[in-house]
Amino acid sequence: MNLSNIPSKKLVEGVSGKYVHTTSFTVGYVSIDKGAIMPLHSHVHEQTSQVISGELEMTIDGKTEILKPGSIIIIPSNALHSARAITDCTVIDTFCPVREDYK
């Protein structure tokens, strides 16, 4: 499988990802434009977000952190969270169980 062959899915304005699904989890290679906002939301999935490039402000259950390359954060199931790109960012998100809505 080659990432360039996977279609991109737009999540919100300025946020899009390419997703790979196994039987138990989903991995997303996500591009976020500077200034883009992922609005406050929650989901049943546990999630990790790892910043590959750029700076991302992330708020989880009211606590805000600035994530830089090499940062990884854990988002528990049903936790309210949001994000704002300080710069253009590349992030790898992993979800468990599978994000059926991203297929």
PDB file of N, CA and C in Angstrom:
ATOM      1  N   MET A   1       0.849  -1.169   0.000  1.00  0.00           N
ATOM      2  CA  MET A   1       0.000   0.000   0.000  1.00  0.00           C
ATOM      3  C   MET A   1       0.897   1.235   0.000  1.00  0.00           C
ATOM      4  N   ASN A   2       0.521   2.218  -0.799  1.00  0.00           N
ATOM      5  CA  ASN A   2       1.269   3.457  -0.882  1.00  0.00           C
ATOM      6  C   ASN A   2       0.342   4.607  -0.488  1.00  0.00           C
ATOM      7  N   LEU A   3       0.811   5.453   0.404  1.00  0.00           N
ATOM      8  CA  LEU A   3       0.012   6.573   0.903  1.00  0.00           C
ATOM      9  C   LEU A   3      -0.513   7.456  -0.232  1.00  0.00           C
ATOM     10  N   SER A   4       0.284   7.599  -1.289  1.00  0.00           N
ATOM     11  CA  SER A   4      -0.146   8.458  -2.401  1.00  0.00           C
ATOM     12  C   SER A   4      -1.360   7.896  -3.136  1.00  0.00           C
ATOM     13  N   ASN A   5      -1.647   6.596  -2.966  1.00  0.00           N
ATOM     14  CA  ASN A   5      -2.799   5.975  -3.631  1.00  0.00           C
ATOM     15  C   ASN A   5      -4.076   6.018  -2.793  1.00  0.00           C
ATOM     16  N   ILE A   6      -3.978   6.510  -1.558  1.00  0.00           N
ATOM     17  CA  ILE A   6      -5.144   6.553  -0.675  1.00  0.00           C
ATOM     18  C   ILE A   6      -5.862   7.888  -0.862  1.00  0.00           C
ATOM     19  N   PRO A   7      -7.167   7.862  -1.121  1.00  0.00           N
ATOM     20  CA  PRO A   7      -7.887   9.124  -1.298  1.00  0.00           C
ATOM     21  C   PRO A   7      -7.920   9.929   0.003  1.00  0.00           C
ATOM     22  N   SER A   8      -7.902  11.243  -0.147  1.00  0.00           N
ATOM     23  CA  SER A   8      -7.933  12.143   1.003  1.00  0.00           C
ATOM     24  C   SER A   8      -9.377  12.419   1.406  1.00  0.00           C
ATOM     25  N   LYS A   9      -9.618  12.492   2.717  1.00  0.00           N
ATOM     26  CA  LYS A   9     -10.950  12.784   3.253  1.00  0.00           C
ATOM     27  C   LYS A   9     -10.887  14.119   3.984  1.00  0.00           C
ATOM     28  N   LYS A  10     -11.719  15.082   3.555  1.00  0.00           N
ATOM     29  CA  LYS A  10     -11.779  16.383   4.218  1.00  0.00           C
ATOM     30  C   LYS A  10     -12.634  16.252   5.476  1.00  0.00           C
ATOM     31  N   LEU A  11     -12.060  16.636   6.626  1.00  0.00           N
ATOM     32  CA  LEU A  11     -12.797  16.555   7.892  1.00  0.00           C
ATOM     33  C   LEU A  11     -13.516  17.866   8.183  1.00  0.00           C
ATOM     34  N   VAL A  12     -12.796  18.966   8.114  1.00  0.00           N
ATOM     35  CA  VAL A  12     -13.331  20.324   8.212  1.00  0.00           C
ATOM     36  C   VAL A  12     -12.450  21.190   7.324  1.00  0.00           C
ATOM     37  N   GLU A  13     -12.820  22.448   7.135  1.00  0.00           N
ATOM     38  CA  GLU A  13     -12.008  23.344   6.310  1.00  0.00           C
ATOM     39  C   GLU A  13     -10.574  23.390   6.832  1.00  0.00           C
ATOM     40  N   GLY A  14      -9.624  23.053   5.957  1.00  0.00           N
ATOM     41  CA  GLY A  14      -8.216  23.103   6.319  1.00  0.00           C
ATOM     42  C   GLY A  14      -7.671  21.850   6.986  1.00  0.00           C
ATOM     43  N   VAL A  15      -8.506  20.812   7.152  1.00  0.00           N
ATOM     44  CA  VAL A  15      -8.061  19.569   7.795  1.00  0.00           C
ATOM     45  C   VAL A  15      -8.489  18.393   6.909  1.00  0.00           C
ATOM     46  N   SER A  16      -7.494  17.622   6.442  1.00  0.00           N
ATOM     47  CA  SER A  16      -7.814  16.446   5.634  1.00  0.00           C
ATOM     48  C   SER A  16      -6.849  15.324   5.990  1.00  0.00           C
ATOM     49  N   GLY A  17      -7.302  14.108   5.758  1.00  0.00           N
ATOM     50  CA  GLY A  17      -6.486  12.960   6.120  1.00  0.00           C
ATOM     51  C   GLY A  17      -6.624  11.808   5.152  1.00  0.00           C
ATOM     52  N   LYS A  18      -5.620  10.954   5.194  1.00  0.00           N
ATOM     53  CA  LYS A  18      -5.632   9.698   4.457  1.00  0.00           C
ATOM     54  C   LYS A  18      -5.620   8.606   5.509  1.00  0.00           C
ATOM     55  N   TYR A  19      -6.578   7.672   5.429  1.00  0.00           N
ATOM     56  CA  TYR A  19      -6.811   6.720   6.514  1.00  0.00           C
ATOM     57  C   TYR A  19      -6.633   5.282   6.066  1.00  0.00           C
ATOM     58  N   VAL A  20      -5.986   4.515   6.942  1.00  0.00           N
ATOM     59  CA  VAL A  20      -5.785   3.085   6.742  1.00  0.00           C
ATOM     60  C   VAL A  20      -6.505   2.379   7.885  1.00  0.00           C
ATOM     61  N   HIS A  21      -7.280   1.349   7.541  1.00  0.00           N
ATOM     62  CA  HIS A  21      -8.100   0.642   8.525  1.00  0.00           C
ATOM     63  C   HIS A  21      -7.679  -0.821   8.616  1.00  0.00           C
ATOM     64  N   THR A  22      -7.539  -1.295   9.860  1.00  0.00           N
ATOM     65  CA  THR A  22      -7.334  -2.721  10.090  1.00  0.00           C
ATOM     66  C   THR A  22      -8.628  -3.244  10.724  1.00  0.00           C
ATOM     67  N   THR A  23      -8.605  -4.456  11.222  1.00  0.00           N
ATOM     68  CA  THR A  23      -9.800  -4.979  11.888  1.00  0.00           C
ATOM     69  C   THR A  23      -9.990  -4.349  13.262  1.00  0.00           C
ATOM     70  N   SER A  24      -8.931  -3.774  13.863  1.00  0.00           N
ATOM     71  CA  SER A  24      -9.052  -3.230  15.215  1.00  0.00           C
ATOM     72  C   SER A  24      -8.794  -1.748  15.375  1.00  0.00           C
ATOM     73  N   PHE A  25      -8.124  -1.105  14.417  1.00  0.00           N
ATOM     74  CA  PHE A  25      -7.825   0.313  14.602  1.00  0.00           C
ATOM     75  C   PHE A  25      -7.725   1.026  13.255  1.00  0.00           C
ATOM     76  N   THR A  26      -7.676   2.367  13.326  1.00  0.00           N
ATOM     77  CA  THR A  26      -7.523   3.221  12.157  1.00  0.00           C
ATOM     78  C   THR A  26      -6.329   4.139  12.380  1.00  0.00           C
ATOM     79  N   VAL A  27      -5.508   4.283  11.343  1.00  0.00           N
ATOM     80  CA  VAL A  27      -4.387   5.220  11.380  1.00  0.00           C
ATOM     81  C   VAL A  27      -4.622   6.268  10.298  1.00  0.00           C
ATOM     82  N   GLY A  28      -4.457   7.536  10.685  1.00  0.00           N
ATOM     83  CA  GLY A  28      -4.630   8.623   9.736  1.00  0.00           C
ATOM     84  C   GLY A  28      -3.383   9.469   9.607  1.00  0.00           C
ATOM     85  N   TYR A  29      -3.048   9.804   8.370  1.00  0.00           N
ATOM     86  CA  TYR A  29      -1.973  10.728   8.068  1.00  0.00           C
ATOM     87  C   TYR A  29      -2.677  12.040   7.732  1.00  0.00           C
ATOM     88  N   VAL A  30      -2.612  13.015   8.660  1.00  0.00           N
ATOM     89  CA  VAL A  30      -3.478  14.190   8.610  1.00  0.00           C
ATOM     90  C   VAL A  30      -2.672  15.451   8.299  1.00  0.00           C
ATOM     91  N   SER A  31      -3.185  16.250   7.364  1.00  0.00           N
ATOM     92  CA  SER A  31      -2.603  17.550   7.021  1.00  0.00           C
ATOM     93  C   SER A  31      -3.529  18.633   7.547  1.00  0.00           C
ATOM     94  N   ILE A  32      -2.946  19.589   8.254  1.00  0.00           N
ATOM     95  CA  ILE A  32      -3.735  20.672   8.854  1.00  0.00           C
ATOM     96  C   ILE A  32      -3.112  21.996   8.432  1.00  0.00           C
ATOM     97  N   ASP A  33      -3.906  22.858   7.804  1.00  0.00           N
ATOM     98  CA  ASP A  33      -3.433  24.165   7.376  1.00  0.00           C
ATOM     99  C   ASP A  33      -3.339  25.123   8.555  1.00  0.00           C
ATOM    100  N   LYS A  34      -2.347  26.013   8.503  1.00  0.00           N
ATOM    101  CA  LYS A  34      -2.187  27.040   9.525  1.00  0.00           C
ATOM    102  C   LYS A  34      -3.519  27.756   9.759  1.00  0.00           C
ATOM    103  N   GLY A  35      -3.907  27.880  11.027  1.00  0.00           N
ATOM    104  CA  GLY A  35      -5.137  28.559  11.398  1.00  0.00           C
ATOM    105  C   GLY A  35      -6.379  27.689  11.395  1.00  0.00           C
ATOM    106  N   ALA A  36      -6.283  26.480  10.842  1.00  0.00           N
ATOM    107  CA  ALA A  36      -7.458  25.591  10.802  1.00  0.00           C
ATOM    108  C   ALA A  36      -7.823  25.151  12.218  1.00  0.00           C
ATOM    109  N   ILE A  37      -9.113  24.988  12.425  1.00  0.00           N
ATOM    110  CA  ILE A  37      -9.625  24.595  13.746  1.00  0.00           C
ATOM    111  C   ILE A  37     -10.453  23.323  13.618  1.00  0.00           C
ATOM    112  N   MET A  38     -10.109  22.340  14.432  1.00  0.00           N
ATOM    113  CA  MET A  38     -10.948  21.152  14.592  1.00  0.00           C
ATOM    114  C   MET A  38     -11.823  21.461  15.792  1.00  0.00           C
ATOM    115  N   PRO A  39     -13.128  21.678  15.583  1.00  0.00           N
ATOM    116  CA  PRO A  39     -13.985  22.125  16.681  1.00  0.00           C
ATOM    117  C   PRO A  39     -14.099  21.108  17.813  1.00  0.00           C
ATOM    118  N   LEU A  40     -14.519  21.586  18.956  1.00  0.00           N
ATOM    119  CA  LEU A  40     -14.708  20.752  20.142  1.00  0.00           C
ATOM    120  C   LEU A  40     -15.651  19.598  19.807  1.00  0.00           C
ATOM    121  N   HIS A  41     -15.207  18.389  20.123  1.00  0.00           N
ATOM    122  CA  HIS A  41     -16.004  17.195  19.839  1.00  0.00           C
ATOM    123  C   HIS A  41     -15.524  16.054  20.731  1.00  0.00           C
ATOM    124  N   SER A  42     -16.227  14.955  20.671  1.00  0.00           N
ATOM    125  CA  SER A  42     -15.807  13.735  21.368  1.00  0.00           C
ATOM    126  C   SER A  42     -16.261  12.542  20.532  1.00  0.00           C
ATOM    127  N   HIS A  43     -15.674  11.404  20.814  1.00  0.00           N
ATOM    128  CA  HIS A  43     -16.055  10.159  20.151  1.00  0.00           C
ATOM    129  C   HIS A  43     -15.680   9.003  21.068  1.00  0.00           C
ATOM    130  N   VAL A  44     -16.262   7.866  20.809  1.00  0.00           N
ATOM    131  CA  VAL A  44     -16.034   6.688  21.645  1.00  0.00           C
ATOM    132  C   VAL A  44     -14.604   6.153  21.505  1.00  0.00           C
ATOM    133  N   HIS A  45     -13.949   6.485  20.410  1.00  0.00           N
ATOM    134  CA  HIS A  45     -12.615   5.953  20.119  1.00  0.00           C
ATOM    135  C   HIS A  45     -11.549   6.541  21.034  1.00  0.00           C
ATOM    136  N   GLU A  46     -10.632   5.694  21.503  1.00  0.00           N
ATOM    137  CA  GLU A  46      -9.394   6.199  22.085  1.00  0.00           C
ATOM    138  C   GLU A  46      -8.563   6.709  20.917  1.00  0.00           C
ATOM    139  N   GLN A  47      -7.783   7.746  21.152  1.00  0.00           N
ATOM    140  CA  GLN A  47      -7.005   8.343  20.070  1.00  0.00           C
ATOM    141  C   GLN A  47      -5.627   8.741  20.577  1.00  0.00           C
ATOM    142  N   THR A  48      -4.626   8.554  19.728  1.00  0.00           N
ATOM    143  CA  THR A  48      -3.332   9.186  19.954  1.00  0.00           C
ATOM    144  C   THR A  48      -3.093  10.110  18.774  1.00  0.00           C
ATOM    145  N   SER A  49      -2.467  11.245  19.038  1.00  0.00           N
ATOM    146  CA  SER A  49      -2.081  12.180  17.988  1.00  0.00           C
ATOM    147  C   SER A  49      -0.603  12.474  18.146  1.00  0.00           C
ATOM    148  N   GLN A  50       0.156  12.244  17.088  1.00  0.00           N
ATOM    149  CA  GLN A  50       1.592  12.483  17.098  1.00  0.00           C
ATOM    150  C   GLN A  50       1.906  13.541  16.046  1.00  0.00           C
ATOM    151  N   VAL A  51       2.535  14.638  16.480  1.00  0.00           N
ATOM    152  CA  VAL A  51       2.895  15.705  15.555  1.00  0.00           C
ATOM    153  C   VAL A  51       4.205  15.336  14.854  1.00  0.00           C
ATOM    154  N   ILE A  52       4.152  15.318  13.526  1.00  0.00           N
ATOM    155  CA  ILE A  52       5.324  15.017  12.705  1.00  0.00           C
ATOM    156  C   ILE A  52       6.023  16.324  12.313  1.00  0.00           C
ATOM    157  N   SER A  53       5.208  17.336  11.962  1.00  0.00           N
ATOM    158  CA  SER A  53       5.768  18.647  11.631  1.00  0.00           C
ATOM    159  C   SER A  53       4.766  19.724  12.033  1.00  0.00           C
ATOM    160  N   GLY A  54       5.292  20.913  12.328  1.00  0.00           N
ATOM    161  CA  GLY A  54       4.449  22.047  12.680  1.00  0.00           C
ATOM    162  C   GLY A  54       4.168  22.139  14.169  1.00  0.00           C
ATOM    163  N   GLU A  55       3.297  23.090  14.516  1.00  0.00           N
ATOM    164  CA  GLU A  55       2.876  23.288  15.905  1.00  0.00           C
ATOM    165  C   GLU A  55       1.359  23.283  15.972  1.00  0.00           C
ATOM    166  N   LEU A  56       0.835  22.524  16.924  1.00  0.00           N
ATOM    167  CA  LEU A  56      -0.600  22.320  17.065  1.00  0.00           C
ATOM    168  C   LEU A  56      -1.001  22.586  18.505  1.00  0.00           C
ATOM    169  N   GLU A  57      -1.986  23.462  18.678  1.00  0.00           N
ATOM    170  CA  GLU A  57      -2.553  23.696  20.009  1.00  0.00           C
ATOM    171  C   GLU A  57      -3.720  22.736  20.178  1.00  0.00           C
ATOM    172  N   MET A  58      -3.659  21.911  21.211  1.00  0.00           N
ATOM    173  CA  MET A  58      -4.711  20.938  21.436  1.00  0.00           C
ATOM    174  C   MET A  58      -5.259  21.094  22.839  1.00  0.00           C
ATOM    175  N   THR A  59      -6.588  21.065  22.949  1.00  0.00           N
ATOM    176  CA  THR A  59      -7.262  21.135  24.235  1.00  0.00           C
ATOM    177  C   THR A  59      -8.025  19.841  24.449  1.00  0.00           C
ATOM    178  N   ILE A  60      -7.757  19.196  25.588  1.00  0.00           N
ATOM    179  CA  ILE A  60      -8.424  17.943  25.948  1.00  0.00           C
ATOM    180  C   ILE A  60      -9.001  18.118  27.338  1.00  0.00           C
ATOM    181  N   ASP A  61     -10.321  17.955  27.448  1.00  0.00           N
ATOM    182  CA  ASP A  61     -11.020  18.119  28.730  1.00  0.00           C
ATOM    183  C   ASP A  61     -10.605  19.402  29.444  1.00  0.00           C
ATOM    184  N   GLY A  62     -10.512  20.504  28.679  1.00  0.00           N
ATOM    185  CA  GLY A  62     -10.229  21.818  29.251  1.00  0.00           C
ATOM    186  C   GLY A  62      -8.766  22.144  29.463  1.00  0.00           C
ATOM    187  N   LYS A  63      -7.867  21.195  29.223  1.00  0.00           N
ATOM    188  CA  LYS A  63      -6.423  21.434  29.398  1.00  0.00           C
ATOM    189  C   LYS A  63      -5.776  21.624  28.028  1.00  0.00           C
ATOM    190  N   THR A  64      -5.094  22.763  27.848  1.00  0.00           N
ATOM    191  CA  THR A  64      -4.498  23.108  26.555  1.00  0.00           C
ATOM    192  C   THR A  64      -2.990  22.905  26.581  1.00  0.00           C
ATOM    193  N   GLU A  65      -2.471  22.312  25.506  1.00  0.00           N
ATOM    194  CA  GLU A  65      -1.032  22.097  25.337  1.00  0.00           C
ATOM    195  C   GLU A  65      -0.640  22.489  23.921  1.00  0.00           C
ATOM    196  N   ILE A  66       0.602  22.937  23.762  1.00  0.00           N
ATOM    197  CA  ILE A  66       1.171  23.185  22.438  1.00  0.00           C
ATOM    198  C   ILE A  66       2.023  21.968  22.090  1.00  0.00           C
ATOM    199  N   LEU A  67       1.677  21.319  20.991  1.00  0.00           N
ATOM    200  CA  LEU A  67       2.398  20.130  20.542  1.00  0.00           C
ATOM    201  C   LEU A  67       3.327  20.504  19.399  1.00  0.00           C
ATOM    202  N   LYS A  68       4.563  20.006  19.468  1.00  0.00           N
ATOM    203  CA  LYS A  68       5.584  20.259  18.453  1.00  0.00           C
ATOM    204  C   LYS A  68       6.063  18.919  17.905  1.00  0.00           C
ATOM    205  N   PRO A  69       6.881  18.923  16.856  1.00  0.00           N
ATOM    206  CA  PRO A  69       7.341  17.652  16.292  1.00  0.00           C
ATOM    207  C   PRO A  69       7.918  16.729  17.369  1.00  0.00           C
ATOM    208  N   GLY A  70       7.463  15.490  17.338  1.00  0.00           N
ATOM    209  CA  GLY A  70       7.871  14.495  18.331  1.00  0.00           C
ATOM    210  C   GLY A  70       6.891  14.370  19.482  1.00  0.00           C
ATOM    211  N   SER A  71       5.986  15.349  19.639  1.00  0.00           N
ATOM    212  CA  SER A  71       4.975  15.270  20.703  1.00  0.00           C
ATOM    213  C   SER A  71       3.931  14.226  20.350  1.00  0.00           C
ATOM    214  N   ILE A  72       3.480  13.506  21.359  1.00  0.00           N
ATOM    215  CA  ILE A  72       2.367  12.565  21.198  1.00  0.00           C
ATOM    216  C   ILE A  72       1.441  12.757  22.382  1.00  0.00           C
ATOM    217  N   ILE A  73       0.155  12.740  22.110  1.00  0.00           N
ATOM    218  CA  ILE A  73      -0.829  12.966  23.164  1.00  0.00           C
ATOM    219  C   ILE A  73      -1.886  11.881  23.088  1.00  0.00           C
ATOM    220  N   ILE A  74      -2.414  11.509  24.233  1.00  0.00           N
ATOM    221  CA  ILE A  74      -3.453  10.479  24.314  1.00  0.00           C
ATOM    222  C   ILE A  74      -4.781  11.160  24.618  1.00  0.00           C
ATOM    223  N   ILE A  75      -5.786  10.815  23.838  1.00  0.00           N
ATOM    224  CA  ILE A  75      -7.139  11.342  24.038  1.00  0.00           C
ATOM    225  C   ILE A  75      -8.014  10.163  24.451  1.00  0.00           C
ATOM    226  N   PRO A  76      -8.476  10.159  25.706  1.00  0.00           N
ATOM    227  CA  PRO A  76      -9.313   9.047  26.165  1.00  0.00           C
ATOM    228  C   PRO A  76     -10.661   8.998  25.447  1.00  0.00           C
ATOM    229  N   SER A  77     -11.275   7.855  25.470  1.00  0.00           N
ATOM    230  CA  SER A  77     -12.615   7.678  24.921  1.00  0.00           C
ATOM    231  C   SER A  77     -13.566   8.701  25.532  1.00  0.00           C
ATOM    232  N   ASN A  78     -14.371   9.338  24.685  1.00  0.00           N
ATOM    233  CA  ASN A  78     -15.406  10.307  25.068  1.00  0.00           C
ATOM    234  C   ASN A  78     -14.884  11.614  25.652  1.00  0.00           C
ATOM    235  N   ALA A  79     -13.572  11.867  25.623  1.00  0.00           N
ATOM    236  CA  ALA A  79     -13.028  13.138  26.114  1.00  0.00           C
ATOM    237  C   ALA A  79     -13.343  14.250  25.117  1.00  0.00           C
ATOM    238  N   LEU A  80     -13.790  15.393  25.625  1.00  0.00           N
ATOM    239  CA  LEU A  80     -14.012  16.552  24.771  1.00  0.00           C
ATOM    240  C   LEU A  80     -12.654  17.113  24.373  1.00  0.00           C
ATOM    241  N   HIS A  81     -12.459  17.336  23.069  1.00  0.00           N
ATOM    242  CA  HIS A  81     -11.178  17.849  22.594  1.00  0.00           C
ATOM    243  C   HIS A  81     -11.344  18.679  21.331  1.00  0.00           C
ATOM    244  N   SER A  82     -10.363  19.568  21.123  1.00  0.00           N
ATOM    245  CA  SER A  82     -10.331  20.422  19.942  1.00  0.00           C
ATOM    246  C   SER A  82      -8.875  20.707  19.609  1.00  0.00           C
ATOM    247  N   ALA A  83      -8.652  21.272  18.422  1.00  0.00           N
ATOM    248  CA  ALA A  83      -7.290  21.591  18.012  1.00  0.00           C
ATOM    249  C   ALA A  83      -7.295  22.827  17.120  1.00  0.00           C
ATOM    250  N   ARG A  84      -6.165  23.552  17.159  1.00  0.00           N
ATOM    251  CA  ARG A  84      -5.949  24.713  16.297  1.00  0.00           C
ATOM    252  C   ARG A  84      -4.509  24.669  15.813  1.00  0.00           C
ATOM    253  N   ALA A  85      -4.330  24.776  14.498  1.00  0.00           N
ATOM    254  CA  ALA A  85      -2.990  24.733  13.923  1.00  0.00           C
ATOM    255  C   ALA A  85      -2.334  26.105  14.029  1.00  0.00           C
ATOM    256  N   ILE A  86      -1.220  26.158  14.735  1.00  0.00           N
ATOM    257  CA  ILE A  86      -0.445  27.387  14.845  1.00  0.00           C
ATOM    258  C   ILE A  86       0.348  27.607  13.553  1.00  0.00           C
ATOM    259  N   THR A  87       0.811  26.514  12.967  1.00  0.00           N
ATOM    260  CA  THR A  87       1.483  26.511  11.666  1.00  0.00           C
ATOM    261  C   THR A  87       0.862  25.381  10.848  1.00  0.00           C
ATOM    262  N   ASP A  88       1.265  25.258   9.596  1.00  0.00           N
ATOM    263  CA  ASP A  88       0.892  24.058   8.840  1.00  0.00           C
ATOM    264  C   ASP A  88       1.422  22.859   9.616  1.00  0.00           C
ATOM    265  N   CYS A  89       0.636  21.800   9.698  1.00  0.00           N
ATOM    266  CA  CYS A  89       1.008  20.631  10.504  1.00  0.00           C
ATOM    267  C   CYS A  89       0.786  19.335   9.733  1.00  0.00           C
ATOM    268  N   THR A  90       1.584  18.355  10.085  1.00  0.00           N
ATOM    269  CA  THR A  90       1.346  16.971   9.698  1.00  0.00           C
ATOM    270  C   THR A  90       1.256  16.174  10.993  1.00  0.00           C
ATOM    271  N   VAL A  91       0.187  15.404  11.124  1.00  0.00           N
ATOM    272  CA  VAL A  91      -0.099  14.665  12.358  1.00  0.00           C
ATOM    273  C   VAL A  91      -0.473  13.238  11.990  1.00  0.00           C
ATOM    274  N   ILE A  92      -0.037  12.287  12.801  1.00  0.00           N
ATOM    275  CA  ILE A  92      -0.502  10.909  12.651  1.00  0.00           C
ATOM    276  C   ILE A  92      -1.455  10.617  13.804  1.00  0.00           C
ATOM    277  N   ASP A  93      -2.704  10.329  13.451  1.00  0.00           N
ATOM    278  CA  ASP A  93      -3.740   9.979  14.433  1.00  0.00           C
ATOM    279  C   ASP A  93      -3.992   8.482  14.372  1.00  0.00           C
ATOM    280  N   THR A  94      -4.130   7.877  15.541  1.00  0.00           N
ATOM    281  CA  THR A  94      -4.506   6.465  15.631  1.00  0.00           C
ATOM    282  C   THR A  94      -5.752   6.363  16.482  1.00  0.00           C
ATOM    283  N   PHE A  95      -6.732   5.614  15.999  1.00  0.00           N
ATOM    284  CA  PHE A  95      -8.015   5.449  16.690  1.00  0.00           C
ATOM    285  C   PHE A  95      -8.281   3.973  16.949  1.00  0.00           C
ATOM    286  N   CYS A  96      -8.827   3.677  18.118  1.00  0.00           N
ATOM    287  CA  CYS A  96      -9.252   2.322  18.444  1.00  0.00           C
ATOM    288  C   CYS A  96     -10.590   2.422  19.180  1.00  0.00           C
ATOM    289  N   PRO A  97     -11.627   1.749  18.742  1.00  0.00           N
ATOM    290  CA  PRO A  97     -11.713   0.849  17.590  1.00  0.00           C
ATOM    291  C   PRO A  97     -11.676   1.619  16.265  1.00  0.00           C
ATOM    292  N   VAL A  98     -11.886   0.884  15.177  1.00  0.00           N
ATOM    293  CA  VAL A  98     -11.865   1.433  13.823  1.00  0.00           C
ATOM    294  C   VAL A  98     -12.846   2.597  13.698  1.00  0.00           C
ATOM    295  N   ARG A  99     -12.423   3.646  12.986  1.00  0.00           N
ATOM    296  CA  ARG A  99     -13.312   4.775  12.664  1.00  0.00           C
ATOM    297  C   ARG A  99     -14.106   4.402  11.415  1.00  0.00           C
ATOM    298  N   GLU A 100     -15.230   3.774  11.603  1.00  0.00           N
ATOM    299  CA  GLU A 100     -16.073   3.388  10.478  1.00  0.00           C
ATOM    300  C   GLU A 100     -16.500   4.599   9.668  1.00  0.00           C
ATOM    301  N   ASP A 101     -16.681   5.749  10.337  1.00  0.00           N
ATOM    302  CA  ASP A 101     -17.120   6.955   9.660  1.00  0.00           C
ATOM    303  C   ASP A 101     -16.018   7.562   8.778  1.00  0.00           C
ATOM    304  N   TYR A 102     -14.792   7.079   8.878  1.00  0.00           N
ATOM    305  CA  TYR A 102     -13.692   7.576   8.051  1.00  0.00           C
ATOM    306  C   TYR A 102     -13.409   6.636   6.869  1.00  0.00           C
ATOM    307  N   LYS A 103     -14.172   5.577   6.739  1.00  0.00           N
ATOM    308  CA  LYS A 103     -13.980   4.647   5.609  1.00  0.00           C
ATOM    309  C   LYS A 103     -14.570   5.242   4.345  1.00  0.00           C
TER     310      LYS A 103
END
